[in-house]
């Protein structure tokens, strides 16, 4: 079963087009370096929970949208190799302040699949 990297972040609505362009480029980079899939989604039905929720998790403000994305790999070893290549790829280099979101509020992590249908 595939290994999965998951990401949740908040993007200011005014930066959504810039984020989508960055995500298109990132998707190409991930796939070029061996990811099996790369998906980016804009929140459509993510209520603000009383205790926890996607918006709370990334401290989304009223003028921001939540993004949920993931990439899949053959296994953890393949993910580690892909990530090394992605991080070294010049297409992924950004100057400070050029990112269309606050990376400090991004949540990310790797997950082992245990069910796939």
PDB file of N, CA and C in Angstrom:
ATOM      1  N   UNK A   1       0.837  -1.187   0.000  1.00  0.00           N
ATOM      2  CA  UNK A   1       0.000   0.000   0.000  1.00  0.00           C
ATOM      3  C   UNK A   1       0.876   1.243   0.000  1.00  0.00           C
ATOM      4  N   UNK A   2       0.367   2.338  -0.548  1.00  0.00           N
ATOM      5  CA  UNK A   2       1.210   3.535  -0.672  1.00  0.00           C
ATOM      6  C   UNK A   2       1.507   4.215   0.667  1.00  0.00           C
ATOM      7  N   UNK A   3       2.603   4.919   0.674  1.00  0.00           N
ATOM      8  CA  UNK A   3       2.955   5.813   1.778  1.00  0.00           C
ATOM      9  C   UNK A   3       2.396   7.181   1.394  1.00  0.00           C
ATOM     10  N   UNK A   4       1.892   7.934   2.361  1.00  0.00           N
ATOM     11  CA  UNK A   4       1.208   9.196   2.080  1.00  0.00           C
ATOM     12  C   UNK A   4       1.810  10.325   2.895  1.00  0.00           C
ATOM     13  N   UNK A   5       2.085  11.449   2.237  1.00  0.00           N
ATOM     14  CA  UNK A   5       2.390  12.707   2.924  1.00  0.00           C
ATOM     15  C   UNK A   5       1.136  13.549   2.877  1.00  0.00           C
ATOM     16  N   UNK A   6       0.711  14.075   4.019  1.00  0.00           N
ATOM     17  CA  UNK A   6      -0.476  14.918   4.079  1.00  0.00           C
ATOM     18  C   UNK A   6      -0.114  16.321   4.539  1.00  0.00           C
ATOM     19  N   UNK A   7      -0.837  17.306   4.014  1.00  0.00           N
ATOM     20  CA  UNK A   7      -0.592  18.713   4.318  1.00  0.00           C
ATOM     21  C   UNK A   7      -1.919  19.434   4.543  1.00  0.00           C
ATOM     22  N   UNK A   8      -1.970  20.293   5.546  1.00  0.00           N
ATOM     23  CA  UNK A   8      -3.111  21.170   5.773  1.00  0.00           C
ATOM     24  C   UNK A   8      -2.544  22.554   6.037  1.00  0.00           C
ATOM     25  N   UNK A   9      -3.086  23.565   5.357  1.00  0.00           N
ATOM     26  CA  UNK A   9      -2.593  24.934   5.535  1.00  0.00           C
ATOM     27  C   UNK A   9      -3.687  25.930   5.243  1.00  0.00           C
ATOM     28  N   UNK A  10      -3.470  27.162   5.651  1.00  0.00           N
ATOM     29  CA  UNK A  10      -4.418  28.256   5.402  1.00  0.00           C
ATOM     30  C   UNK A  10      -3.792  29.213   4.391  1.00  0.00           C
ATOM     31  N   UNK A  11      -4.598  29.622   3.411  1.00  0.00           N
ATOM     32  CA  UNK A  11      -4.136  30.545   2.378  1.00  0.00           C
ATOM     33  C   UNK A  11      -5.060  31.757   2.360  1.00  0.00           C
ATOM     34  N   UNK A  12      -4.497  32.961   2.435  1.00  0.00           N
ATOM     35  CA  UNK A  12      -5.347  34.146   2.296  1.00  0.00           C
ATOM     36  C   UNK A  12      -6.100  34.089   0.965  1.00  0.00           C
ATOM     37  N   UNK A  13      -7.401  34.404   1.008  1.00  0.00           N
ATOM     38  CA  UNK A  13      -8.219  34.330  -0.204  1.00  0.00           C
ATOM     39  C   UNK A  13      -7.618  35.158  -1.336  1.00  0.00           C
ATOM     40  N   UNK A  14      -7.019  36.274  -1.007  1.00  0.00           N
ATOM     41  CA  UNK A  14      -6.425  37.128  -2.046  1.00  0.00           C
ATOM     42  C   UNK A  14      -5.208  36.470  -2.705  1.00  0.00           C
ATOM     43  N   UNK A  15      -4.633  35.448  -2.063  1.00  0.00           N
ATOM     44  CA  UNK A  15      -3.456  34.753  -2.596  1.00  0.00           C
ATOM     45  C   UNK A  15      -3.798  33.404  -3.217  1.00  0.00           C
ATOM     46  N   UNK A  16      -5.094  33.076  -3.309  1.00  0.00           N
ATOM     47  CA  UNK A  16      -5.466  31.735  -3.748  1.00  0.00           C
ATOM     48  C   UNK A  16      -4.983  31.435  -5.171  1.00  0.00           C
ATOM     49  N   UNK A  17      -5.091  32.375  -6.079  1.00  0.00           N
ATOM     50  CA  UNK A  17      -4.615  32.133  -7.445  1.00  0.00           C
ATOM     51  C   UNK A  17      -3.103  31.890  -7.458  1.00  0.00           C
ATOM     52  N   UNK A  18      -2.365  32.675  -6.683  1.00  0.00           N
ATOM     53  CA  UNK A  18      -0.909  32.490  -6.600  1.00  0.00           C
ATOM     54  C   UNK A  18      -0.593  31.130  -5.983  1.00  0.00           C
ATOM     55  N   UNK A  19      -1.368  30.723  -4.971  1.00  0.00           N
ATOM     56  CA  UNK A  19      -1.149  29.410  -4.366  1.00  0.00           C
ATOM     57  C   UNK A  19      -1.411  28.299  -5.383  1.00  0.00           C
ATOM     58  N   UNK A  20      -2.494  28.426  -6.135  1.00  0.00           N
ATOM     59  CA  UNK A  20      -2.820  27.400  -7.132  1.00  0.00           C
ATOM     60  C   UNK A  20      -1.707  27.268  -8.166  1.00  0.00           C
ATOM     61  N   UNK A  21      -1.134  28.381  -8.580  1.00  0.00           N
ATOM     62  CA  UNK A  21      -0.021  28.338  -9.535  1.00  0.00           C
ATOM     63  C   UNK A  21       1.188  27.637  -8.910  1.00  0.00           C
ATOM     64  N   UNK A  22       1.497  27.976  -7.658  1.00  0.00           N
ATOM     65  CA  UNK A  22       2.597  27.330  -6.955  1.00  0.00           C
ATOM     66  C   UNK A  22       2.329  25.828  -6.821  1.00  0.00           C
ATOM     67  N   UNK A  23       1.087  25.465  -6.506  1.00  0.00           N
ATOM     68  CA  UNK A  23       0.724  24.054  -6.336  1.00  0.00           C
ATOM     69  C   UNK A  23       0.839  23.290  -7.651  1.00  0.00           C
ATOM     70  N   UNK A  24       0.468  23.908  -8.764  1.00  0.00           N
ATOM     71  CA  UNK A  24       0.614  23.242 -10.066  1.00  0.00           C
ATOM     72  C   UNK A  24       2.089  22.912 -10.327  1.00  0.00           C
ATOM     73  N   UNK A  25       2.941  23.883 -10.041  1.00  0.00           N
ATOM     74  CA  UNK A  25       4.380  23.671 -10.229  1.00  0.00           C
ATOM     75  C   UNK A  25       4.881  22.595  -9.264  1.00  0.00           C
ATOM     76  N   UNK A  26       4.455  22.653  -8.019  1.00  0.00           N
ATOM     77  CA  UNK A  26       4.882  21.657  -7.035  1.00  0.00           C
ATOM     78  C   UNK A  26       4.437  20.261  -7.453  1.00  0.00           C
ATOM     79  N   UNK A  27       3.227  20.142  -7.961  1.00  0.00           N
ATOM     80  CA  UNK A  27       2.737  18.847  -8.420  1.00  0.00           C
ATOM     81  C   UNK A  27       3.604  18.271  -9.521  1.00  0.00           C
ATOM     82  N   UNK A  28       4.029  19.129 -10.444  1.00  0.00           N
ATOM     83  CA  UNK A  28       4.924  18.675 -11.510  1.00  0.00           C
ATOM     84  C   UNK A  28       6.250  18.187 -10.929  1.00  0.00           C
ATOM     85  N   UNK A  29       6.770  18.941  -9.969  1.00  0.00           N
ATOM     86  CA  UNK A  29       8.049  18.576  -9.357  1.00  0.00           C
ATOM     87  C   UNK A  29       7.929  17.229  -8.640  1.00  0.00           C
ATOM     88  N   UNK A  30       6.886  17.064  -7.821  1.00  0.00           N
ATOM     89  CA  UNK A  30       6.701  15.806  -7.092  1.00  0.00           C
ATOM     90  C   UNK A  30       6.595  14.634  -8.067  1.00  0.00           C
ATOM     91  N   UNK A  31       5.787  14.800  -9.110  1.00  0.00           N
ATOM     92  CA  UNK A  31       5.598  13.715 -10.069  1.00  0.00           C
ATOM     93  C   UNK A  31       6.878  13.448 -10.864  1.00  0.00           C
ATOM     94  N   UNK A  32       7.590  14.503 -11.234  1.00  0.00           N
ATOM     95  CA  UNK A  32       8.853  14.323 -11.962  1.00  0.00           C
ATOM     96  C   UNK A  32       9.861  13.511 -11.160  1.00  0.00           C
ATOM     97  N   UNK A  33       9.784  13.608  -9.831  1.00  0.00           N
ATOM     98  CA  UNK A  33      10.765  12.927  -8.988  1.00  0.00           C
ATOM     99  C   UNK A  33      10.264  11.605  -8.418  1.00  0.00           C
ATOM    100  N   UNK A  34       9.084  11.142  -8.865  1.00  0.00           N
ATOM    101  CA  UNK A  34       8.678   9.788  -8.511  1.00  0.00           C
ATOM    102  C   UNK A  34       7.449   9.602  -7.650  1.00  0.00           C
ATOM    103  N   UNK A  35       6.758  10.671  -7.279  1.00  0.00           N
ATOM    104  CA  UNK A  35       5.510  10.486  -6.531  1.00  0.00           C
ATOM    105  C   UNK A  35       4.521   9.726  -7.413  1.00  0.00           C
ATOM    106  N   UNK A  36       3.666   8.918  -6.792  1.00  0.00           N
ATOM    107  CA  UNK A  36       2.638   8.188  -7.532  1.00  0.00           C
ATOM    108  C   UNK A  36       1.442   9.077  -7.835  1.00  0.00           C
ATOM    109  N   UNK A  37       1.146  10.009  -6.924  1.00  0.00           N
ATOM    110  CA  UNK A  37       0.039  10.947  -7.127  1.00  0.00           C
ATOM    111  C   UNK A  37       0.294  12.210  -6.313  1.00  0.00           C
ATOM    112  N   UNK A  38      -0.385  13.277  -6.700  1.00  0.00           N
ATOM    113  CA  UNK A  38      -0.267  14.565  -6.004  1.00  0.00           C
ATOM    114  C   UNK A  38      -1.621  15.240  -6.128  1.00  0.00           C
ATOM    115  N   UNK A  39      -2.246  15.602  -4.996  1.00  0.00           N
ATOM    116  CA  UNK A  39      -3.594  16.163  -4.989  1.00  0.00           C
ATOM    117  C   UNK A  39      -3.624  17.411  -4.114  1.00  0.00           C
ATOM    118  N   UNK A  40      -4.293  18.459  -4.604  1.00  0.00           N
ATOM    119  CA  UNK A  40      -4.501  19.700  -3.843  1.00  0.00           C
ATOM    120  C   UNK A  40      -6.000  19.988  -3.823  1.00  0.00           C
ATOM    121  N   UNK A  41      -6.537  20.333  -2.666  1.00  0.00           N
ATOM    122  CA  UNK A  41      -7.964  20.596  -2.522  1.00  0.00           C
ATOM    123  C   UNK A  41      -8.192  21.879  -1.720  1.00  0.00           C
ATOM    124  N   UNK A  42      -9.206  22.649  -2.132  1.00  0.00           N
ATOM    125  CA  UNK A  42      -9.625  23.837  -1.391  1.00  0.00           C
ATOM    126  C   UNK A  42     -10.843  23.455  -0.561  1.00  0.00           C
ATOM    127  N   UNK A  43     -10.847  23.839   0.702  1.00  0.00           N
ATOM    128  CA  UNK A  43     -11.959  23.505   1.597  1.00  0.00           C
ATOM    129  C   UNK A  43     -13.279  24.027   1.043  1.00  0.00           C
ATOM    130  N   UNK A  44     -14.291  23.179   1.131  1.00  0.00           N
ATOM    131  CA  UNK A  44     -15.619  23.532   0.665  1.00  0.00           C
ATOM    132  C   UNK A  44     -16.651  23.362   1.775  1.00  0.00           C
ATOM    133  N   UNK A  45     -16.428  22.381   2.643  1.00  0.00           N
ATOM    134  CA  UNK A  45     -17.362  22.089   3.727  1.00  0.00           C
ATOM    135  C   UNK A  45     -16.562  21.690   4.952  1.00  0.00           C
ATOM    136  N   UNK A  46     -15.944  22.677   5.610  1.00  0.00           N
ATOM    137  CA  UNK A  46     -15.114  22.421   6.785  1.00  0.00           C
ATOM    138  C   UNK A  46     -15.533  23.372   7.911  1.00  0.00           C
ATOM    139  N   UNK A  47     -16.565  22.977   8.657  1.00  0.00           N
ATOM    140  CA  UNK A  47     -17.052  23.852   9.729  1.00  0.00           C
ATOM    141  C   UNK A  47     -15.997  24.102  10.804  1.00  0.00           C
ATOM    142  N   UNK A  48     -16.106  25.255  11.411  1.00  0.00           N
ATOM    143  CA  UNK A  48     -15.219  25.630  12.513  1.00  0.00           C
ATOM    144  C   UNK A  48     -15.724  24.911  13.751  1.00  0.00           C
ATOM    145  N   UNK A  49     -14.966  23.934  14.232  1.00  0.00           N
ATOM    146  CA  UNK A  49     -15.400  23.119  15.358  1.00  0.00           C
ATOM    147  C   UNK A  49     -15.254  23.812  16.697  1.00  0.00           C
ATOM    148  N   UNK A  50     -15.997  23.321  17.682  1.00  0.00           N
ATOM    149  CA  UNK A  50     -15.918  23.879  19.026  1.00  0.00           C
ATOM    150  C   UNK A  50     -14.590  23.553  19.695  1.00  0.00           C
ATOM    151  N   UNK A  51     -14.059  22.369  19.424  1.00  0.00           N
ATOM    152  CA  UNK A  51     -12.812  21.940  20.048  1.00  0.00           C
ATOM    153  C   UNK A  51     -11.687  21.857  19.031  1.00  0.00           C
ATOM    154  N   UNK A  52     -11.948  21.185  17.915  1.00  0.00           N
ATOM    155  CA  UNK A  52     -10.925  21.045  16.876  1.00  0.00           C
ATOM    156  C   UNK A  52     -11.584  20.958  15.511  1.00  0.00           C
ATOM    157  N   UNK A  53     -10.846  21.314  14.491  1.00  0.00           N
ATOM    158  CA  UNK A  53     -11.332  21.277  13.111  1.00  0.00           C
ATOM    159  C   UNK A  53     -10.170  21.650  12.200  1.00  0.00           C
ATOM    160  N   UNK A  54     -10.374  21.487  10.908  1.00  0.00           N
ATOM    161  CA  UNK A  54      -9.327  21.904   9.972  1.00  0.00           C
ATOM    162  C   UNK A  54      -9.012  23.396  10.127  1.00  0.00           C
ATOM    163  N   UNK A  55     -10.021  24.279  10.152  1.00  0.00           N
ATOM    164  CA  UNK A  55      -9.685  25.709  10.309  1.00  0.00           C
ATOM    165  C   UNK A  55      -8.950  26.000  11.621  1.00  0.00           C
ATOM    166  N   UNK A  56      -9.375  25.384  12.709  1.00  0.00           N
ATOM    167  CA  UNK A  56      -8.698  25.601  13.998  1.00  0.00           C
ATOM    168  C   UNK A  56      -7.264  25.092  13.961  1.00  0.00           C
ATOM    169  N   UNK A  57      -7.061  23.952  13.320  1.00  0.00           N
ATOM    170  CA  UNK A  57      -5.741  23.330  13.302  1.00  0.00           C
ATOM    171  C   UNK A  57      -4.686  24.244  12.690  1.00  0.00           C
ATOM    172  N   UNK A  58      -5.068  25.044  11.687  1.00  0.00           N
ATOM    173  CA  UNK A  58      -4.115  25.927  11.018  1.00  0.00           C
ATOM    174  C   UNK A  58      -4.361  27.395  11.363  1.00  0.00           C
ATOM    175  N   UNK A  59      -5.200  27.622  12.378  1.00  0.00           N
ATOM    176  CA  UNK A  59      -5.517  28.979  12.834  1.00  0.00           C
ATOM    177  C   UNK A  59      -5.988  29.856  11.679  1.00  0.00           C
ATOM    178  N   UNK A  60      -6.874  29.284  10.839  1.00  0.00           N
ATOM    179  CA  UNK A  60      -7.384  30.017   9.679  1.00  0.00           C
ATOM    180  C   UNK A  60      -8.173  31.245  10.129  1.00  0.00           C
ATOM    181  N   UNK A  61      -7.902  32.346   9.469  1.00  0.00           N
ATOM    182  CA  UNK A  61      -8.593  33.604   9.736  1.00  0.00           C
ATOM    183  C   UNK A  61      -9.799  33.714   8.803  1.00  0.00           C
ATOM    184  N   UNK A  62     -10.663  34.680   9.059  1.00  0.00           N
ATOM    185  CA  UNK A  62     -11.873  34.850   8.251  1.00  0.00           C
ATOM    186  C   UNK A  62     -11.583  35.086   6.776  1.00  0.00           C
ATOM    187  N   UNK A  63     -10.434  35.664   6.477  1.00  0.00           N
ATOM    188  CA  UNK A  63     -10.097  35.963   5.081  1.00  0.00           C
ATOM    189  C   UNK A  63      -9.197  34.896   4.454  1.00  0.00           C
ATOM    190  N   UNK A  64      -9.198  33.683   5.035  1.00  0.00           N
ATOM    191  CA  UNK A  64      -8.356  32.596   4.538  1.00  0.00           C
ATOM    192  C   UNK A  64      -9.201  31.365   4.217  1.00  0.00           C
ATOM    193  N   UNK A  65      -8.676  30.545   3.325  1.00  0.00           N
ATOM    194  CA  UNK A  65      -9.285  29.253   3.015  1.00  0.00           C
ATOM    195  C   UNK A  65      -8.316  28.150   3.423  1.00  0.00           C
ATOM    196  N   UNK A  66      -8.874  27.009   3.758  1.00  0.00           N
ATOM    197  CA  UNK A  66      -8.052  25.864   4.147  1.00  0.00           C
ATOM    198  C   UNK A  66      -7.746  25.025   2.905  1.00  0.00           C
ATOM    199  N   UNK A  67      -6.507  24.606   2.803  1.00  0.00           N
ATOM    200  CA  UNK A  67      -6.054  23.718   1.740  1.00  0.00           C
ATOM    201  C   UNK A  67      -5.691  22.377   2.368  1.00  0.00           C
ATOM    202  N   UNK A  68      -6.121  21.310   1.739  1.00  0.00           N
ATOM    203  CA  UNK A  68      -5.795  19.948   2.158  1.00  0.00           C
ATOM    204  C   UNK A  68      -5.151  19.283   0.951  1.00  0.00           C
ATOM    205  N   UNK A  69      -3.956  18.748   1.126  1.00  0.00           N
ATOM    206  CA  UNK A  69      -3.283  18.124  -0.005  1.00  0.00           C
ATOM    207  C   UNK A  69      -2.522  16.887   0.447  1.00  0.00           C
ATOM    208  N   UNK A  70      -2.194  16.054  -0.544  1.00  0.00           N
ATOM    209  CA  UNK A  70      -1.412  14.865  -0.237  1.00  0.00           C
ATOM    210  C   UNK A  70      -0.674  14.382  -1.469  1.00  0.00           C
ATOM    211  N   UNK A  71       0.370  13.631  -1.204  1.00  0.00           N
ATOM    212  CA  UNK A  71       1.137  12.965  -2.255  1.00  0.00           C
ATOM    213  C   UNK A  71       1.310  11.519  -1.815  1.00  0.00           C
ATOM    214  N   UNK A  72       1.344  10.617  -2.782  1.00  0.00           N
ATOM    215  CA  UNK A  72       1.538   9.208  -2.451  1.00  0.00           C
ATOM    216  C   UNK A  72       2.811   8.681  -3.108  1.00  0.00           C
ATOM    217  N   UNK A  73       3.352   7.647  -2.481  1.00  0.00           N
ATOM    218  CA  UNK A  73       4.613   7.044  -2.904  1.00  0.00           C
ATOM    219  C   UNK A  73       4.502   5.531  -2.754  1.00  0.00           C
ATOM    220  N   UNK A  74       5.400   4.811  -3.397  1.00  0.00           N
ATOM    221  CA  UNK A  74       5.409   3.346  -3.293  1.00  0.00           C
ATOM    222  C   UNK A  74       5.550   2.895  -1.843  1.00  0.00           C
ATOM    223  N   UNK A  75       6.457   3.543  -1.103  1.00  0.00           N
ATOM    224  CA  UNK A  75       6.703   3.188   0.295  1.00  0.00           C
ATOM    225  C   UNK A  75       7.487   4.327   0.955  1.00  0.00           C
ATOM    226  N   UNK A  76       7.814   4.170   2.215  1.00  0.00           N
ATOM    227  CA  UNK A  76       8.522   5.219   2.965  1.00  0.00           C
ATOM    228  C   UNK A  76       9.890   5.512   2.353  1.00  0.00           C
ATOM    229  N   UNK A  77      10.605   4.497   1.926  1.00  0.00           N
ATOM    230  CA  UNK A  77      11.928   4.710   1.332  1.00  0.00           C
ATOM    231  C   UNK A  77      11.811   5.537   0.056  1.00  0.00           C
ATOM    232  N   UNK A  78      10.801   5.239  -0.765  1.00  0.00           N
ATOM    233  CA  UNK A  78      10.588   6.012  -1.992  1.00  0.00           C
ATOM    234  C   UNK A  78      10.234   7.454  -1.645  1.00  0.00           C
ATOM    235  N   UNK A  79       9.416   7.637  -0.628  1.00  0.00           N
ATOM    236  CA  UNK A  79       9.061   9.002  -0.203  1.00  0.00           C
ATOM    237  C   UNK A  79      10.288   9.775   0.222  1.00  0.00           C
ATOM    238  N   UNK A  80      11.156   9.152   1.006  1.00  0.00           N
ATOM    239  CA  UNK A  80      12.356   9.834   1.474  1.00  0.00           C
ATOM    240  C   UNK A  80      13.235  10.260   0.297  1.00  0.00           C
ATOM    241  N   UNK A  81      13.346   9.405  -0.717  1.00  0.00           N
ATOM    242  CA  UNK A  81      14.141   9.733  -1.912  1.00  0.00           C
ATOM    243  C   UNK A  81      13.485  10.864  -2.709  1.00  0.00           C
ATOM    244  N   UNK A  82      12.175  10.769  -2.900  1.00  0.00           N
ATOM    245  CA  UNK A  82      11.453  11.815  -3.637  1.00  0.00           C
ATOM    246  C   UNK A  82      11.593  13.155  -2.924  1.00  0.00           C
ATOM    247  N   UNK A  83      11.403  13.156  -1.612  1.00  0.00           N
ATOM    248  CA  UNK A  83      11.476  14.418  -0.860  1.00  0.00           C
ATOM    249  C   UNK A  83      12.864  15.048  -0.943  1.00  0.00           C
ATOM    250  N   UNK A  84      13.912  14.230  -0.914  1.00  0.00           N
ATOM    251  CA  UNK A  84      15.268  14.749  -1.065  1.00  0.00           C
ATOM    252  C   UNK A  84      15.414  15.474  -2.398  1.00  0.00           C
ATOM    253  N   UNK A  85      14.911  14.852  -3.448  1.00  0.00           N
ATOM    254  CA  UNK A  85      15.000  15.431  -4.785  1.00  0.00           C
ATOM    255  C   UNK A  85      14.122  16.681  -4.916  1.00  0.00           C
ATOM    256  N   UNK A  86      12.937  16.624  -4.350  1.00  0.00           N
ATOM    257  CA  UNK A  86      12.021  17.780  -4.400  1.00  0.00           C
ATOM    258  C   UNK A  86      12.660  18.981  -3.704  1.00  0.00           C
ATOM    259  N   UNK A  87      13.196  18.772  -2.523  1.00  0.00           N
ATOM    260  CA  UNK A  87      13.786  19.873  -1.767  1.00  0.00           C
ATOM    261  C   UNK A  87      15.017  20.452  -2.457  1.00  0.00           C
ATOM    262  N   UNK A  88      15.702  19.661  -3.269  1.00  0.00           N
ATOM    263  CA  UNK A  88      16.885  20.141  -3.984  1.00  0.00           C
ATOM    264  C   UNK A  88      16.546  20.734  -5.351  1.00  0.00           C
ATOM    265  N   UNK A  89      15.316  20.550  -5.800  1.00  0.00           N
ATOM    266  CA  UNK A  89      14.918  21.010  -7.134  1.00  0.00           C
ATOM    267  C   UNK A  89      14.833  22.534  -7.167  1.00  0.00           C
ATOM    268  N   UNK A  90      15.513  23.180  -8.107  1.00  0.00           N
ATOM    269  CA  UNK A  90      15.494  24.648  -8.169  1.00  0.00           C
ATOM    270  C   UNK A  90      14.101  25.235  -8.406  1.00  0.00           C
ATOM    271  N   UNK A  91      13.181  24.442  -8.949  1.00  0.00           N
ATOM    272  CA  UNK A  91      11.804  24.936  -9.143  1.00  0.00           C
ATOM    273  C   UNK A  91      11.075  25.151  -7.825  1.00  0.00           C
ATOM    274  N   UNK A  92      11.610  24.589  -6.740  1.00  0.00           N
ATOM    275  CA  UNK A  92      10.975  24.724  -5.431  1.00  0.00           C
ATOM    276  C   UNK A  92      11.633  25.789  -4.560  1.00  0.00           C
ATOM    277  N   UNK A  93      12.538  26.562  -5.109  1.00  0.00           N
ATOM    278  CA  UNK A  93      13.217  27.611  -4.344  1.00  0.00           C
ATOM    279  C   UNK A  93      12.388  28.899  -4.376  1.00  0.00           C
ATOM    280  N   UNK A  94      12.124  29.437  -3.209  1.00  0.00           N
ATOM    281  CA  UNK A  94      11.371  30.682  -3.076  1.00  0.00           C
ATOM    282  C   UNK A  94      12.154  31.641  -2.201  1.00  0.00           C
ATOM    283  N   UNK A  95      12.099  32.883  -2.539  1.00  0.00           N
ATOM    284  CA  UNK A  95      12.713  33.919  -1.716  1.00  0.00           C
ATOM    285  C   UNK A  95      11.825  34.163  -0.496  1.00  0.00           C
ATOM    286  N   UNK A  96      12.417  34.587   0.620  1.00  0.00           N
ATOM    287  CA  UNK A  96      11.604  34.900   1.792  1.00  0.00           C
ATOM    288  C   UNK A  96      10.518  35.917   1.414  1.00  0.00           C
ATOM    289  N   UNK A  97       9.305  35.633   1.847  1.00  0.00           N
ATOM    290  CA  UNK A  97       8.187  36.524   1.561  1.00  0.00           C
ATOM    291  C   UNK A  97       7.469  36.222   0.261  1.00  0.00           C
ATOM    292  N   UNK A  98       7.989  35.305  -0.562  1.00  0.00           N
ATOM    293  CA  UNK A  98       7.343  34.970  -1.838  1.00  0.00           C
ATOM    294  C   UNK A  98       6.252  33.911  -1.711  1.00  0.00           C
ATOM    295  N   UNK A  99       6.201  33.221  -0.599  1.00  0.00           N
ATOM    296  CA  UNK A  99       5.197  32.174  -0.431  1.00  0.00           C
ATOM    297  C   UNK A  99       3.814  32.800  -0.243  1.00  0.00           C
ATOM    298  N   UNK A 100       2.786  32.251  -0.895  1.00  0.00           N
ATOM    299  CA  UNK A 100       1.444  32.827  -0.777  1.00  0.00           C
ATOM    300  C   UNK A 100       0.682  32.380   0.475  1.00  0.00           C
ATOM    301  N   UNK A 101       1.390  31.819   1.456  1.00  0.00           N
ATOM    302  CA  UNK A 101       0.767  31.391   2.711  1.00  0.00           C
ATOM    303  C   UNK A 101       1.808  31.432   3.817  1.00  0.00           C
ATOM    304  N   UNK A 102       1.350  31.313   5.054  1.00  0.00           N
ATOM    305  CA  UNK A 102       2.227  31.311   6.224  1.00  0.00           C
ATOM    306  C   UNK A 102       2.632  29.875   6.540  1.00  0.00           C
ATOM    307  N   UNK A 103       3.838  29.502   6.159  1.00  0.00           N
ATOM    308  CA  UNK A 103       4.319  28.140   6.351  1.00  0.00           C
ATOM    309  C   UNK A 103       4.394  27.708   7.801  1.00  0.00           C
ATOM    310  N   UNK A 104       4.435  28.652   8.721  1.00  0.00           N
ATOM    311  CA  UNK A 104       4.505  28.301  10.142  1.00  0.00           C
ATOM    312  C   UNK A 104       3.204  27.670  10.632  1.00  0.00           C
ATOM    313  N   UNK A 105       2.118  27.902   9.892  1.00  0.00           N
ATOM    314  CA  UNK A 105       0.826  27.325  10.294  1.00  0.00           C
ATOM    315  C   UNK A 105       0.452  26.102   9.459  1.00  0.00           C
ATOM    316  N   UNK A 106       1.371  25.596   8.668  1.00  0.00           N
ATOM    317  CA  UNK A 106       1.118  24.398   7.878  1.00  0.00           C
ATOM    318  C   UNK A 106       1.362  23.167   8.742  1.00  0.00           C
ATOM    319  N   UNK A 107       0.469  22.205   8.608  1.00  0.00           N
ATOM    320  CA  UNK A 107       0.610  20.924   9.289  1.00  0.00           C
ATOM    321  C   UNK A 107       0.975  19.905   8.214  1.00  0.00           C
ATOM    322  N   UNK A 108       1.944  19.051   8.500  1.00  0.00           N
ATOM    323  CA  UNK A 108       2.313  18.036   7.517  1.00  0.00           C
ATOM    324  C   UNK A 108       2.867  16.813   8.228  1.00  0.00           C
ATOM    325  N   UNK A 109       2.822  15.697   7.550  1.00  0.00           N
ATOM    326  CA  UNK A 109       3.373  14.481   8.121  1.00  0.00           C
ATOM    327  C   UNK A 109       3.233  13.318   7.170  1.00  0.00           C
ATOM    328  N   UNK A 110       3.972  12.255   7.439  1.00  0.00           N
ATOM    329  CA  UNK A 110       3.931  11.043   6.639  1.00  0.00           C
ATOM    330  C   UNK A 110       3.124   9.969   7.322  1.00  0.00           C
ATOM    331  N   UNK A 111       2.410   9.194   6.516  1.00  0.00           N
ATOM    332  CA  UNK A 111       1.495   8.182   7.033  1.00  0.00           C
ATOM    333  C   UNK A 111       1.634   6.877   6.272  1.00  0.00           C
ATOM    334  N   UNK A 112       1.616   5.766   7.012  1.00  0.00           N
ATOM    335  CA  UNK A 112       1.571   4.442   6.408  1.00  0.00           C
ATOM    336  C   UNK A 112       0.127   4.073   6.161  1.00  0.00           C
ATOM    337  N   UNK A 113      -0.187   3.666   4.953  1.00  0.00           N
ATOM    338  CA  UNK A 113      -1.544   3.206   4.641  1.00  0.00           C
ATOM    339  C   UNK A 113      -1.799   1.850   5.286  1.00  0.00           C
ATOM    340  N   UNK A 114      -3.037   1.610   5.729  1.00  0.00           N
ATOM    341  CA  UNK A 114      -3.365   0.273   6.210  1.00  0.00           C
ATOM    342  C   UNK A 114      -4.667  -0.244   5.600  1.00  0.00           C
ATOM    343  N   UNK A 115      -5.420   0.632   4.922  1.00  0.00           N
ATOM    344  CA  UNK A 115      -6.585   0.196   4.145  1.00  0.00           C
ATOM    345  C   UNK A 115      -6.575   1.012   2.861  1.00  0.00           C
ATOM    346  N   UNK A 116      -6.798   0.308   1.746  1.00  0.00           N
ATOM    347  CA  UNK A 116      -6.951   0.981   0.453  1.00  0.00           C
ATOM    348  C   UNK A 116      -7.954   0.181  -0.348  1.00  0.00           C
ATOM    349  N   UNK A 117      -8.974   0.833  -0.822  1.00  0.00           N
ATOM    350  CA  UNK A 117     -10.029   0.139  -1.599  1.00  0.00           C
ATOM    351  C   UNK A 117     -10.168   0.751  -2.955  1.00  0.00           C
TER     352      UNK A 117
END
